[in-house]
Amino acid sequence: MEVIQNFLRIKNQISVLNSKTKLIAVSKGQDVDKIKLLINSGHLDFGENKVQEALFKWTDITNSNKNINLHLIGGLQSNKAKDAFKIFNYIHSLDSEKLARIFSDLEKNDLKKIKYFVQVNIGNEHQKNGINVSHVFNFVQYCQNDLKLNILGLMCLPPVNDSPDSYFLKLKKLNEDSFLKDLSMGMSDDFEIAIKLGSTYVRVGTAIFGKRSS
């Protein structure tokens, strides 16, 4: 029951700050039994960061519950895009023209349409994926106009050892300049700050489930 208590506490915190902000329960590395506690409570949005884990854990669940939305929140290699397309409804880590073209081709041959966030390397960190800040506008335009992808907004992972405030504000400005309305930013340690600064999707895992099982 601790999972449910954590979940309800965080839902309440979010509703106080902005009731329209969507909570993605990050279930990577978590047991299916824990996940089903939230599903049985009516929660429908879950995040995974590995395609193979998502296919293994979620295929049967999503086949029996078509209302569940799965969000890919981790980096994606192009050779896994086809599998990601099968299981995910949202991609929060679109970060290259190659990947965007693959998804565009997949959508041309399928009725399914995915909702995308463009991952931005907001701290210009060499070890992180993401579109360079100076290329964001052109990349979004290319994805929308040339590839006909449904780009909801931008996503970022601020540098771990810095305060996230300035990075969230920077992403919000980039989002506005790109004429996008949604923002995927904020995790267990900083989701309240992110919501105050405009986030519409927060990705919360350990604060709900505790430490990962695997």
Protein backbone atom coordinates (compact mmCIF):
# COMPACT_ATOMS: atom_id res chain seq x y z
CA MET A 1 0.00 0.00 0.00
CA GLU A 2 3.00 2.32 0.32
CA VAL A 3 3.04 2.70 -3.46
CA ILE A 4 -0.57 3.87 -3.47
CA GLN A 5 0.07 6.27 -0.59
CA ASN A 6 3.07 7.76 -2.42
CA PHE A 7 1.06 8.00 -5.63
CA LEU A 8 -1.86 9.79 -3.97
CA ARG A 9 0.48 12.18 -2.17
CA ILE A 10 2.21 13.15 -5.41
CA LYS A 11 -1.09 13.45 -7.28
CA ASN A 12 -2.25 15.85 -4.58
CA GLN A 13 0.96 17.89 -4.81
CA ILE A 14 0.52 18.15 -8.56
CA SER A 15 -3.14 19.12 -8.35
CA VAL A 16 -2.32 21.94 -5.92
CA LEU A 17 0.31 23.33 -8.31
CA ASN A 18 -1.48 22.73 -11.62
CA SER A 19 -4.29 20.21 -11.99
CA LYS A 20 -3.72 20.03 -15.75
CA THR A 21 -0.17 18.67 -15.42
CA LYS A 22 -0.01 15.00 -16.40
CA LEU A 23 1.80 12.52 -14.15
CA ILE A 24 3.83 9.81 -15.85
CA ALA A 25 4.55 7.04 -13.36
CA VAL A 26 8.02 5.85 -14.33
CA SER A 27 7.87 2.08 -14.00
CA LYS A 28 11.28 1.12 -15.38
CA GLY A 29 12.83 -1.66 -13.34
CA GLN A 30 9.66 -2.14 -11.29
CA ASP A 31 7.71 -5.34 -10.70
CA VAL A 32 4.46 -5.77 -12.59
CA ASP A 33 2.63 -6.32 -9.28
CA LYS A 34 3.52 -2.79 -8.17
CA ILE A 35 2.51 -1.36 -11.52
CA LYS A 36 -0.87 -3.10 -11.40
CA LEU A 37 -1.62 -1.38 -8.09
CA LEU A 38 -1.65 1.93 -9.96
CA ILE A 39 -3.53 0.54 -12.96
CA ASN A 40 -6.21 -0.80 -10.63
CA SER A 41 -6.41 2.66 -9.07
CA GLY A 42 -7.19 4.11 -12.49
CA HIS A 43 -3.80 5.51 -13.48
CA LEU A 44 -3.09 5.19 -17.21
CA ASP A 45 0.24 6.90 -18.00
CA PHE A 46 3.50 5.01 -17.44
CA GLY A 47 7.10 5.60 -18.47
CA GLU A 48 9.78 3.13 -19.52
CA ASN A 49 13.29 3.80 -20.73
CA LYS A 50 14.13 0.51 -22.46
CA VAL A 51 12.22 -0.87 -25.42
CA GLN A 52 12.81 -4.56 -24.71
CA GLU A 53 11.78 -4.24 -21.07
CA ALA A 54 8.62 -2.41 -22.14
CA LEU A 55 7.72 -5.10 -24.67
CA PHE A 56 8.25 -7.83 -22.09
CA LYS A 57 6.31 -6.15 -19.29
CA TRP A 58 3.57 -4.31 -21.12
CA THR A 59 2.48 -6.25 -24.21
CA ASP A 60 -0.10 -8.39 -22.41
CA ILE A 61 -1.26 -5.51 -20.20
CA THR A 62 -1.81 -3.08 -23.07
CA ASN A 63 -3.53 -5.74 -25.16
CA SER A 64 -6.10 -6.09 -22.40
CA ASN A 65 -6.32 -2.38 -21.54
CA LYS A 66 -6.26 -0.13 -24.60
CA ASN A 67 -6.56 3.02 -22.49
CA ILE A 68 -3.02 2.76 -21.10
CA ASN A 69 -0.49 5.22 -22.52
CA LEU A 70 3.15 4.15 -22.54
CA HIS A 71 5.80 6.86 -22.68
CA LEU A 72 9.36 6.17 -23.81
CA ILE A 73 11.49 8.45 -21.66
CA GLY A 74 14.94 6.99 -22.34
CA GLY A 75 17.31 7.30 -25.26
CA LEU A 76 16.43 5.34 -28.38
CA GLN A 77 18.74 3.72 -30.91
CA SER A 78 17.48 3.77 -34.46
CA ASN A 79 17.55 -0.04 -34.71
CA LYS A 80 14.99 -0.20 -31.87
CA ALA A 81 12.61 2.36 -33.39
CA LYS A 82 10.36 -0.22 -35.05
CA ASP A 83 9.86 -2.08 -31.77
CA ALA A 84 9.31 1.20 -29.92
CA PHE A 85 6.64 2.12 -32.44
CA LYS A 86 4.74 -1.07 -31.61
CA ILE A 87 4.43 -0.53 -27.87
CA PHE A 88 4.72 3.22 -27.11
CA ASN A 89 2.14 5.98 -27.52
CA TYR A 90 4.52 8.83 -26.63
CA ILE A 91 8.22 9.29 -27.38
CA HIS A 92 9.92 11.84 -25.11
CA SER A 93 13.40 11.37 -26.56
CA LEU A 94 13.26 12.28 -30.26
CA ASP A 95 16.76 13.59 -30.79
CA SER A 96 17.95 13.12 -34.38
CA GLU A 97 16.83 13.56 -37.98
CA LYS A 98 17.55 9.88 -38.63
CA LEU A 99 15.19 8.78 -35.87
CA ALA A 100 12.55 11.27 -36.97
CA ARG A 101 12.66 9.97 -40.56
CA ILE A 102 12.28 6.37 -39.37
CA PHE A 103 9.16 7.24 -37.36
CA SER A 104 7.77 9.24 -40.24
CA ASP A 105 8.16 6.23 -42.55
CA LEU A 106 6.56 3.92 -39.97
CA GLU A 107 3.57 6.23 -39.62
CA LYS A 108 3.05 6.38 -43.38
CA ASN A 109 2.38 2.64 -43.38
CA ASP A 110 0.26 2.47 -40.24
CA LEU A 111 -2.87 4.01 -38.75
CA LYS A 112 -1.03 4.59 -35.48
CA LYS A 113 0.27 8.09 -34.81
CA ILE A 114 2.69 8.74 -31.95
CA LYS A 115 2.98 11.94 -29.92
CA TYR A 116 6.53 13.23 -29.67
CA PHE A 117 8.69 15.40 -27.46
CA VAL A 118 12.01 16.63 -28.81
CA GLN A 119 14.82 16.01 -26.34
CA VAL A 120 17.03 19.06 -25.94
CA ASN A 121 20.57 18.95 -24.59
CA ILE A 122 19.77 21.92 -22.40
CA GLY A 123 23.06 21.91 -20.49
CA ASN A 124 25.23 21.27 -23.57
CA GLU A 125 26.65 18.14 -21.91
CA HIS A 126 28.74 15.93 -24.15
CA GLN A 127 27.59 12.73 -22.42
CA LYS A 128 23.89 13.42 -22.94
CA ASN A 129 21.66 12.97 -25.97
CA GLY A 130 19.52 15.78 -27.29
CA ILE A 131 19.24 18.45 -29.94
CA ASN A 132 21.61 21.38 -29.55
CA VAL A 133 19.80 24.46 -28.24
CA SER A 134 20.68 26.47 -31.35
CA HIS A 135 19.14 23.81 -33.64
CA VAL A 136 15.85 23.27 -31.82
CA PHE A 137 13.61 25.56 -33.87
CA ASN A 138 14.80 24.23 -37.23
CA PHE A 139 14.55 20.62 -36.06
CA VAL A 140 10.99 21.10 -34.84
CA GLN A 141 10.01 22.75 -38.11
CA TYR A 142 11.56 19.90 -40.09
CA CYS A 143 9.71 17.28 -38.04
CA GLN A 144 6.39 19.06 -38.31
CA ASN A 145 6.45 20.35 -41.87
CA ASP A 146 8.57 17.83 -43.75
CA LEU A 147 7.88 14.65 -41.79
CA LYS A 148 4.36 15.44 -40.53
CA LEU A 149 5.15 14.27 -36.99
CA ASN A 150 2.96 15.36 -34.08
CA ILE A 151 5.44 17.29 -31.95
CA LEU A 152 3.84 18.20 -28.62
CA GLY A 153 6.78 20.00 -27.10
CA LEU A 154 10.31 19.79 -25.75
CA MET A 155 11.92 17.61 -23.09
CA CYS A 156 15.13 17.98 -21.09
CA LEU A 157 17.27 16.43 -18.38
CA PRO A 158 19.03 19.25 -16.53
CA PRO A 159 22.64 18.76 -15.37
CA VAL A 160 22.58 16.60 -12.24
CA ASN A 161 24.65 18.83 -9.95
CA ASP A 162 23.07 22.17 -10.87
CA SER A 163 19.84 23.78 -9.76
CA PRO A 164 17.25 22.96 -12.45
CA ASP A 165 15.44 26.32 -12.39
CA SER A 166 17.42 28.13 -15.05
CA TYR A 167 17.40 25.11 -17.37
CA PHE A 168 13.63 24.69 -17.05
CA LEU A 169 13.14 28.38 -17.81
CA LYS A 170 15.43 28.09 -20.82
CA LEU A 171 13.47 25.11 -22.14
CA LYS A 172 10.19 26.95 -21.61
CA LYS A 173 11.47 29.87 -23.69
CA LEU A 174 12.66 27.50 -26.45
CA ASN A 175 9.25 25.85 -26.37
CA GLU A 176 7.46 29.17 -26.78
CA ASP A 177 9.83 30.24 -29.57
CA SER A 178 9.04 26.97 -31.37
CA PHE A 179 5.28 27.58 -30.99
CA LEU A 180 4.79 24.42 -28.92
CA LYS A 181 2.44 24.10 -25.96
CA ASP A 182 3.60 21.09 -23.90
CA LEU A 183 6.74 20.58 -21.82
CA SER A 184 8.15 17.31 -20.49
CA MET A 185 10.35 18.26 -17.58
CA GLY A 186 10.62 17.36 -13.93
CA MET A 187 11.33 14.08 -12.14
CA SER A 188 11.08 12.81 -8.57
CA ASP A 189 13.47 15.40 -7.10
CA ASP A 190 12.34 18.47 -8.99
CA PHE A 191 8.84 17.97 -10.39
CA GLU A 192 7.36 20.71 -8.17
CA ILE A 193 9.86 23.25 -9.51
CA ALA A 194 9.17 22.07 -13.05
CA ILE A 195 5.40 22.49 -12.68
CA LYS A 196 5.81 25.99 -11.27
CA LEU A 197 7.89 26.82 -14.36
CA GLY A 198 5.39 25.46 -16.86
CA SER A 199 5.82 21.69 -17.16
CA THR A 200 2.74 19.87 -18.47
CA TYR A 201 4.18 16.33 -18.16
CA VAL A 202 6.27 15.19 -15.18
CA ARG A 203 8.12 11.87 -15.04
CA VAL A 204 8.10 10.50 -11.49
CA GLY A 205 9.44 7.06 -10.57
CA THR A 206 11.27 6.54 -7.27
CA ALA A 207 9.05 8.95 -5.36
CA ILE A 208 6.14 6.63 -6.20
CA PHE A 209 7.62 3.14 -6.38
CA GLY A 210 10.72 3.46 -4.22
CA LYS A 211 14.05 2.13 -5.41
CA ARG A 212 13.96 0.03 -8.55
CA SER A 213 13.66 -3.73 -8.20
CA SER A 214 16.11 -4.35 -11.05
